[in-house]
Amino acid sequence: MSEGEREAGQDRRQRRSISPLVVGWVINPVALVALWILRELDLVADQPLWAYVGVLWSGALVCAAAELWFRRRPSPLPVRCRVVAHSAFVTATIYLTGWGPALAIFYAFIAQENTVRGSRPWRVTAFWSVAWIAVGQVAIVRGWAPSLISEPLVHGVAAMNVLGVVFVVRMAAAVNEKKERAEDSLREREDRFRSLVQNSSDLILILDASGHISYASEASLHLLGRAPAELVGLATSSLVHPADLVSLRRGVRAGLVAGPVAAPLELRVLVADGTWRFFEAVVSDLADRPSVGGIVVNARDITERKRAEASLERQASHDALTGLPNRLR
C-alpha cells in the first residue's frame, strides 16, 4: 500500500474520533455536575469547584488548539500532543478527587479515543499514562495532592493500576491493529481488482442482489457510449432487450450455480445512440468475496461477429448473382 493511501486511512480514522470541542461542551459539564454531587456526598476530596472547572476546560481547550493547529500537517506530533494533554488533565482531575490511582481506569478511555486514530499511538499513550500517574504519586508524597487512600497503600494501588493501564492500552491497540490489517487487506484487494478490470477491453459489471449495477468498468464508455457513473444504480433489465430478459434470468441462475464455467449468454444491449448491440456475457457469483461483493458480469461486443454470421448464412442460402433464395433440391 502506498504512503498516500496509508495517510488517507489514518485521516479517516482521525475523523471518526471525538472532537475536543465536543468534550469541552458536552462531556465536561456532565463531569462537573457529577463531581459536585460527589463532593456534596463527601465521596471525593473537598476541593473548590473552580479547580475542577479550570482543569476540565483548560484541558479541552489545549486539546482543541493542538487538533486545529496540527490537523493538516503530516506529522505524528498532533497525536502525541493530544495524548500528553489528555493524560495530563485526566491525571489532574482524578488526583484532585483524592482517589488518584484508584481512578486510573479513565486512562483506558484515553487509550480507546486515541487508538481510534490508529494503532501506532498506543506506546505514547501507555508511556504518558504511566508517567502522569508517577507525577500524581509524587504530588501525594509532597502533599500537593489530597489522597483518600492512606500511604503506602495508595502507592500499591498505583503500581497495580499501572500494570492494568498498560494492559488495557495494549489490548485496545491489538484490536485496532487487527482491524487496520483487515481494512488494508480489503483495500489492496479492491485496488487490485479495479486495476485488472479498468484496463480490460471487455465490459465488466457488478450487480447487487436486486440486479442493479453497483460498478461498471471504463469499457462501458466505448462499448455502450455511457460513462460508468451513468450506469451505476440502473437495473440490468433497463439495458437488455425485452426478448432477452428470460435468457438473462436463466443465465444468472446458471452462473450462480456453476460459476464462470456456465455457458455464455448472448444478449442484445441498448447503447447510448438508441440501437441494440449483441453481447456475449459470462456471469459469476462473487458476492462472498469482500473485495467484490456482488454478481460479476463479463461481457464483450459480438455485434460484428453476428453480422458476419448473418452474412455468411445469407450467402449460403441465396444466389450470389441474383440475390434470390436458392431453390430447394
Protein backbone atom coordinates (compact mmCIF):
# COMPACT_ATOMS: atom_id res chain seq x y z
CA MET A 1 0.00 0.00 0.00
CA SER A 2 1.30 3.46 -0.84
CA GLU A 3 2.11 6.06 1.76
CA GLY A 4 -0.69 8.28 0.44
CA GLU A 5 -3.27 5.53 0.91
CA ARG A 6 -1.99 4.85 4.41
CA GLU A 7 -2.28 8.55 5.27
CA ALA A 8 -5.80 8.60 3.81
CA GLY A 9 -6.79 5.70 6.05
CA GLN A 10 -5.25 7.47 9.03
CA ASP A 11 -7.18 10.62 8.17
CA ARG A 12 -10.46 8.66 8.04
CA ARG A 13 -9.72 7.20 11.46
CA GLN A 14 -8.97 10.67 12.81
CA ARG A 15 -12.32 11.98 11.58
CA ARG A 16 -14.07 9.19 13.47
CA SER A 17 -12.54 10.29 16.80
CA ILE A 18 -14.30 12.56 19.27
CA SER A 19 -13.61 16.27 18.82
CA PRO A 20 -12.08 18.05 21.83
CA LEU A 21 -14.77 20.70 21.42
CA VAL A 22 -17.40 18.00 21.99
CA VAL A 23 -15.52 17.01 25.13
CA GLY A 24 -15.46 20.62 26.31
CA TRP A 25 -19.10 21.49 25.66
CA VAL A 26 -20.86 18.17 26.27
CA ILE A 27 -18.81 15.83 28.45
CA ASN A 28 -17.18 18.39 30.75
CA PRO A 29 -20.46 19.89 32.07
CA VAL A 30 -21.70 16.39 32.88
CA ALA A 31 -18.41 15.58 34.62
CA LEU A 32 -18.56 18.83 36.59
CA VAL A 33 -22.10 18.12 37.82
CA ALA A 34 -21.07 14.59 38.81
CA LEU A 35 -18.05 15.90 40.74
CA TRP A 36 -20.19 18.49 42.53
CA ILE A 37 -22.69 15.80 43.61
CA LEU A 38 -19.88 13.53 44.81
CA ARG A 39 -18.31 16.40 46.74
CA GLU A 40 -21.64 17.16 48.43
CA LEU A 41 -21.86 13.50 49.45
CA ASP A 42 -18.28 13.61 50.80
CA LEU A 43 -17.23 10.93 48.34
CA VAL A 44 -14.37 12.99 46.91
CA ALA A 45 -11.86 15.40 48.43
CA ASP A 46 -13.25 18.81 49.38
CA GLN A 47 -11.75 20.84 46.54
CA PRO A 48 -13.20 24.14 45.23
CA LEU A 49 -15.30 23.82 42.10
CA TRP A 50 -13.20 26.40 40.28
CA ALA A 51 -10.26 23.97 40.44
CA TYR A 52 -12.27 21.32 38.59
CA VAL A 53 -13.60 23.91 36.12
CA GLY A 54 -10.09 25.14 35.40
CA VAL A 55 -8.68 21.67 34.88
CA LEU A 56 -11.53 20.35 32.73
CA TRP A 57 -11.92 23.31 30.39
CA SER A 58 -8.25 24.15 30.06
CA GLY A 59 -7.67 20.52 29.05
CA ALA A 60 -10.39 20.67 26.40
CA LEU A 61 -9.11 23.99 25.05
CA VAL A 62 -5.49 22.82 24.85
CA CYS A 63 -6.51 19.61 23.07
CA ALA A 64 -8.74 21.54 20.65
CA ALA A 65 -5.95 24.01 19.89
CA ALA A 66 -3.48 21.19 19.22
CA GLU A 67 -6.01 19.44 16.99
CA LEU A 68 -6.75 22.54 14.91
CA TRP A 69 -3.10 23.53 14.64
CA PHE A 70 -1.79 20.16 13.50
CA ARG A 71 -4.84 18.79 11.68
CA ARG A 72 -3.43 19.04 8.15
CA ARG A 73 0.24 18.61 8.99
CA PRO A 74 1.80 15.23 8.01
CA SER A 75 3.39 14.54 11.39
CA PRO A 76 2.76 12.25 14.39
CA LEU A 77 3.13 15.32 16.63
CA PRO A 78 -0.62 16.15 16.87
CA VAL A 79 -1.46 12.73 18.29
CA ARG A 80 1.42 12.96 20.76
CA CYS A 81 0.36 16.43 21.87
CA ARG A 82 -3.20 15.22 22.27
CA VAL A 83 -2.10 12.19 24.32
CA VAL A 84 0.13 14.30 26.58
CA ALA A 85 -2.59 16.90 27.13
CA HIS A 86 -5.35 14.34 27.68
CA SER A 87 -3.39 12.25 30.15
CA ALA A 88 -2.15 15.37 32.00
CA PHE A 89 -5.62 16.77 32.56
CA VAL A 90 -7.11 13.37 33.40
CA THR A 91 -4.33 13.00 35.98
CA ALA A 92 -5.04 16.43 37.44
CA THR A 93 -8.78 15.67 37.66
CA ILE A 94 -8.58 12.23 39.26
CA TYR A 95 -5.89 13.31 41.74
CA LEU A 96 -7.97 16.35 42.72
CA THR A 97 -10.73 13.95 43.78
CA GLY A 98 -8.42 12.32 46.31
CA TRP A 99 -8.81 8.90 44.74
CA GLY A 100 -5.82 9.28 42.42
CA PRO A 101 -4.57 5.91 41.11
CA ALA A 102 -7.84 4.17 42.04
CA LEU A 103 -9.43 6.01 39.09
CA ALA A 104 -6.72 5.01 36.63
CA ILE A 105 -9.40 3.31 34.55
CA PHE A 106 -10.02 6.73 32.97
CA TYR A 107 -6.69 6.34 31.15
CA ALA A 108 -8.33 3.47 29.29
CA PHE A 109 -10.77 5.97 27.75
CA ILE A 110 -7.80 7.99 26.52
CA ALA A 111 -6.38 4.82 25.01
CA GLN A 112 -9.65 3.99 23.29
CA GLU A 113 -10.06 7.51 21.90
CA ASN A 114 -6.52 7.72 20.57
CA THR A 115 -6.32 4.20 19.14
CA VAL A 116 -9.36 5.10 17.02
CA ARG A 117 -6.81 7.25 15.19
CA GLY A 118 -4.66 4.19 14.51
CA SER A 119 -2.74 1.55 16.42
CA ARG A 120 0.54 3.48 16.45
CA PRO A 121 -0.19 5.88 19.35
CA TRP A 122 -0.55 3.06 21.89
CA ARG A 123 3.06 3.28 23.10
CA VAL A 124 2.80 7.04 23.50
CA THR A 125 -0.50 6.63 25.38
CA ALA A 126 0.90 3.93 27.66
CA PHE A 127 4.09 5.90 28.38
CA TRP A 128 2.38 9.17 29.25
CA SER A 129 -0.34 7.48 31.29
CA VAL A 130 2.32 5.80 33.44
CA ALA A 131 4.41 8.98 33.57
CA TRP A 132 1.50 11.12 34.80
CA ILE A 133 0.49 8.51 37.39
CA ALA A 134 4.06 8.73 38.69
CA VAL A 135 3.77 12.53 38.81
CA GLY A 136 0.50 12.19 40.73
CA GLN A 137 2.11 9.85 43.25
CA VAL A 138 4.95 12.33 43.78
CA ALA A 139 2.33 15.05 44.34
CA ILE A 140 0.72 12.89 47.07
CA VAL A 141 4.08 12.29 48.76
CA ARG A 142 4.85 16.02 48.67
CA GLY A 143 1.42 16.93 49.98
CA TRP A 144 0.45 18.81 46.84
CA ALA A 145 -2.48 16.49 46.07
CA PRO A 146 -5.06 15.10 48.51
CA SER A 147 -5.43 11.35 48.98
CA LEU A 148 -8.36 9.49 50.50
CA ILE A 149 -6.22 6.35 50.41
CA SER A 150 -3.56 6.21 53.09
CA GLU A 151 0.13 5.75 52.39
CA PRO A 152 1.76 3.40 51.48
CA LEU A 153 -1.44 1.68 50.31
CA VAL A 154 -2.01 4.38 47.72
CA HIS A 155 1.34 3.57 46.10
CA GLY A 156 0.48 -0.13 45.91
CA VAL A 157 -2.80 0.77 44.23
CA ALA A 158 -0.86 2.93 41.78
CA ALA A 159 1.56 0.10 40.95
CA MET A 160 -1.27 -2.35 40.25
CA ASN A 161 -3.17 0.15 38.15
CA VAL A 162 -0.09 0.99 36.11
CA LEU A 163 0.04 -2.65 35.02
CA GLY A 164 -3.68 -2.58 34.32
CA VAL A 165 -3.45 0.61 32.25
CA VAL A 166 -0.59 -0.75 30.12
CA PHE A 167 -2.50 -4.00 29.58
CA VAL A 168 -5.73 -2.22 28.57
CA VAL A 169 -3.90 0.19 26.25
CA ARG A 170 -2.03 -2.67 24.57
CA MET A 171 -5.21 -4.71 24.15
CA ALA A 172 -7.01 -1.74 22.58
CA ALA A 173 -4.08 -1.30 20.19
CA ALA A 174 -4.06 -5.02 19.31
CA VAL A 175 -7.75 -4.91 18.41
CA ASN A 176 -7.18 -1.81 16.30
CA GLU A 177 -4.13 -3.32 14.60
CA LYS A 178 -6.22 -6.31 13.57
CA LYS A 179 -8.92 -4.01 12.23
CA GLU A 180 -6.36 -1.91 10.33
CA ARG A 181 -4.82 -5.01 8.74
CA ALA A 182 -8.26 -6.20 7.65
CA GLU A 183 -9.10 -2.76 6.19
CA ASP A 184 -5.73 -2.50 4.41
CA SER A 185 -6.03 -6.03 3.02
CA LEU A 186 -9.54 -5.34 1.73
CA ARG A 187 -8.42 -2.05 0.19
CA GLU A 188 -5.49 -3.77 -1.54
CA ARG A 189 -7.77 -6.47 -2.98
CA GLU A 190 -10.21 -3.82 -4.17
CA ASP A 191 -7.41 -1.84 -5.80
CA ARG A 192 -6.05 -5.00 -7.46
CA PHE A 193 -9.50 -5.87 -8.79
CA ARG A 194 -10.06 -2.32 -10.06
CA SER A 195 -6.66 -2.23 -11.78
CA LEU A 196 -7.42 -5.52 -13.54
CA VAL A 197 -10.86 -4.57 -14.82
CA GLN A 198 -10.30 -0.89 -15.59
CA ASN A 199 -7.89 -1.66 -18.43
CA SER A 200 -9.92 -4.54 -19.84
CA SER A 201 -11.50 -4.12 -23.28
CA ASP A 202 -14.47 -6.18 -22.07
CA LEU A 203 -17.40 -4.64 -20.24
CA ILE A 204 -17.38 -5.69 -16.59
CA LEU A 205 -20.37 -5.04 -14.35
CA ILE A 206 -21.01 -5.87 -10.71
CA LEU A 207 -24.65 -6.38 -9.78
CA ASP A 208 -26.18 -6.31 -6.32
CA ALA A 209 -28.73 -8.84 -5.07
CA SER A 210 -31.59 -6.89 -6.66
CA GLY A 211 -29.98 -6.87 -10.12
CA HIS A 212 -28.92 -3.22 -10.05
CA ILE A 213 -25.48 -2.17 -11.26
CA SER A 214 -23.13 -1.25 -8.42
CA TYR A 215 -19.96 -0.99 -10.53
CA ALA A 216 -19.16 -0.56 -14.23
CA SER A 217 -15.73 -0.65 -15.85
CA GLU A 218 -14.35 2.12 -18.04
CA ALA A 219 -15.02 -0.02 -21.13
CA SER A 220 -18.68 1.00 -20.87
CA LEU A 221 -17.78 4.35 -22.40
CA HIS A 222 -16.68 2.99 -25.79
CA LEU A 223 -18.87 -0.15 -25.79
CA LEU A 224 -22.15 1.43 -24.67
CA GLY A 225 -21.40 5.12 -25.12
CA ARG A 226 -22.17 5.71 -21.43
CA ALA A 227 -19.80 6.57 -18.60
CA PRO A 228 -19.59 4.15 -15.65
CA ALA A 229 -21.22 6.71 -13.36
CA GLU A 230 -24.30 6.76 -15.63
CA LEU A 231 -24.75 3.00 -15.28
CA VAL A 232 -24.36 2.72 -11.51
CA GLY A 233 -27.78 2.31 -9.92
CA LEU A 234 -29.53 1.20 -13.12
CA ALA A 235 -31.41 -2.10 -13.28
CA THR A 236 -29.89 -4.50 -15.79
CA SER A 237 -33.38 -5.10 -17.19
CA SER A 238 -33.40 -1.50 -18.46
CA LEU A 239 -30.39 -2.22 -20.70
CA VAL A 240 -31.28 -5.68 -22.01
CA HIS A 241 -33.72 -6.25 -24.89
CA PRO A 242 -37.14 -7.34 -23.56
CA ALA A 243 -37.00 -10.52 -25.64
CA ASP A 244 -33.71 -11.49 -23.95
CA LEU A 245 -34.78 -10.94 -20.32
CA VAL A 246 -35.84 -14.55 -19.80
CA SER A 247 -32.50 -15.73 -21.16
CA LEU A 248 -30.74 -13.26 -18.85
CA ARG A 249 -32.53 -14.56 -15.77
CA ARG A 250 -31.76 -18.16 -16.67
CA GLY A 251 -28.14 -17.28 -17.30
CA VAL A 252 -27.82 -15.50 -13.97
CA ARG A 253 -29.28 -18.50 -12.15
CA ALA A 254 -26.91 -20.82 -14.00
CA GLY A 255 -23.97 -18.54 -13.20
CA LEU A 256 -24.85 -18.55 -9.52
CA VAL A 257 -24.72 -22.35 -9.51
CA ALA A 258 -21.95 -23.17 -11.98
CA GLY A 259 -19.83 -20.02 -11.73
CA PRO A 260 -17.72 -18.88 -14.70
CA VAL A 261 -17.95 -22.35 -16.29
CA ALA A 262 -21.62 -21.69 -17.11
CA ALA A 263 -22.46 -21.32 -20.80
CA PRO A 264 -22.12 -17.72 -22.03
CA LEU A 265 -25.24 -15.71 -22.79
CA GLU A 266 -25.99 -13.85 -25.98
CA LEU A 267 -27.91 -10.66 -25.23
CA ARG A 268 -28.94 -7.53 -27.06
CA VAL A 269 -27.94 -4.47 -25.07
CA LEU A 270 -29.15 -0.90 -25.53
CA VAL A 271 -26.39 1.62 -26.28
CA ALA A 272 -26.42 5.40 -25.98
CA ASP A 273 -27.47 6.05 -29.60
CA GLY A 274 -30.65 4.00 -29.12
CA THR A 275 -29.53 0.97 -31.13
CA TRP A 276 -29.11 -2.61 -29.95
CA ARG A 277 -25.78 -4.40 -29.99
CA PHE A 278 -25.09 -8.07 -29.37
CA PHE A 279 -23.01 -9.02 -26.33
CA GLU A 280 -21.71 -12.35 -25.12
CA ALA A 281 -21.74 -12.43 -21.31
CA VAL A 282 -20.45 -14.74 -18.59
CA VAL A 283 -21.96 -14.49 -15.11
CA SER A 284 -20.06 -15.31 -11.88
CA ASP A 285 -21.25 -15.15 -8.29
CA LEU A 286 -18.55 -13.39 -6.24
CA ALA A 287 -20.87 -11.98 -3.60
CA ASP A 288 -18.97 -13.81 -0.85
CA ARG A 289 -15.70 -12.03 -1.69
CA PRO A 290 -15.40 -8.75 0.25
CA SER A 291 -13.31 -7.12 -2.49
CA VAL A 292 -16.15 -7.69 -5.00
CA GLY A 293 -19.36 -8.28 -3.07
CA GLY A 294 -21.70 -8.95 -5.97
CA ILE A 295 -22.53 -10.81 -9.17
CA VAL A 296 -19.91 -10.16 -11.84
CA VAL A 297 -20.93 -9.94 -15.50
CA ASN A 298 -18.09 -10.08 -18.03
CA ALA A 299 -19.37 -9.12 -21.49
CA ARG A 300 -17.82 -8.50 -24.89
CA ASP A 301 -19.33 -6.98 -28.01
CA ILE A 302 -20.02 -9.64 -30.68
CA THR A 303 -22.14 -7.46 -32.96
CA GLU A 304 -19.68 -7.68 -35.87
CA ARG A 305 -19.44 -11.44 -35.45
CA LYS A 306 -23.24 -11.77 -35.53
CA ARG A 307 -23.36 -9.63 -38.68
CA ALA A 308 -20.68 -11.77 -40.30
CA GLU A 309 -22.58 -14.94 -39.36
CA ALA A 310 -25.80 -13.49 -40.80
CA SER A 311 -23.95 -12.51 -43.99
CA LEU A 312 -22.48 -16.00 -44.40
CA GLU A 313 -25.88 -17.56 -43.76
CA ARG A 314 -27.43 -15.32 -46.40
CA GLN A 315 -24.72 -16.13 -48.89
CA ALA A 316 -25.26 -19.82 -48.29
CA SER A 317 -28.99 -19.59 -48.85
CA HIS A 318 -29.13 -17.01 -51.68
CA ASP A 319 -27.83 -16.87 -55.23
CA ALA A 320 -24.74 -14.68 -55.45
CA LEU A 321 -25.74 -13.13 -58.81
CA THR A 322 -29.47 -12.62 -58.46
CA GLY A 323 -29.73 -12.35 -54.68
CA LEU A 324 -32.71 -14.69 -54.83
CA PRO A 325 -33.13 -17.59 -52.43
CA ASN A 326 -31.66 -20.82 -53.70
CA ARG A 327 -34.16 -23.43 -54.86
CA LEU A 328 -34.58 -26.39 -52.62
CA ARG A 329 -33.42 -29.60 -54.25
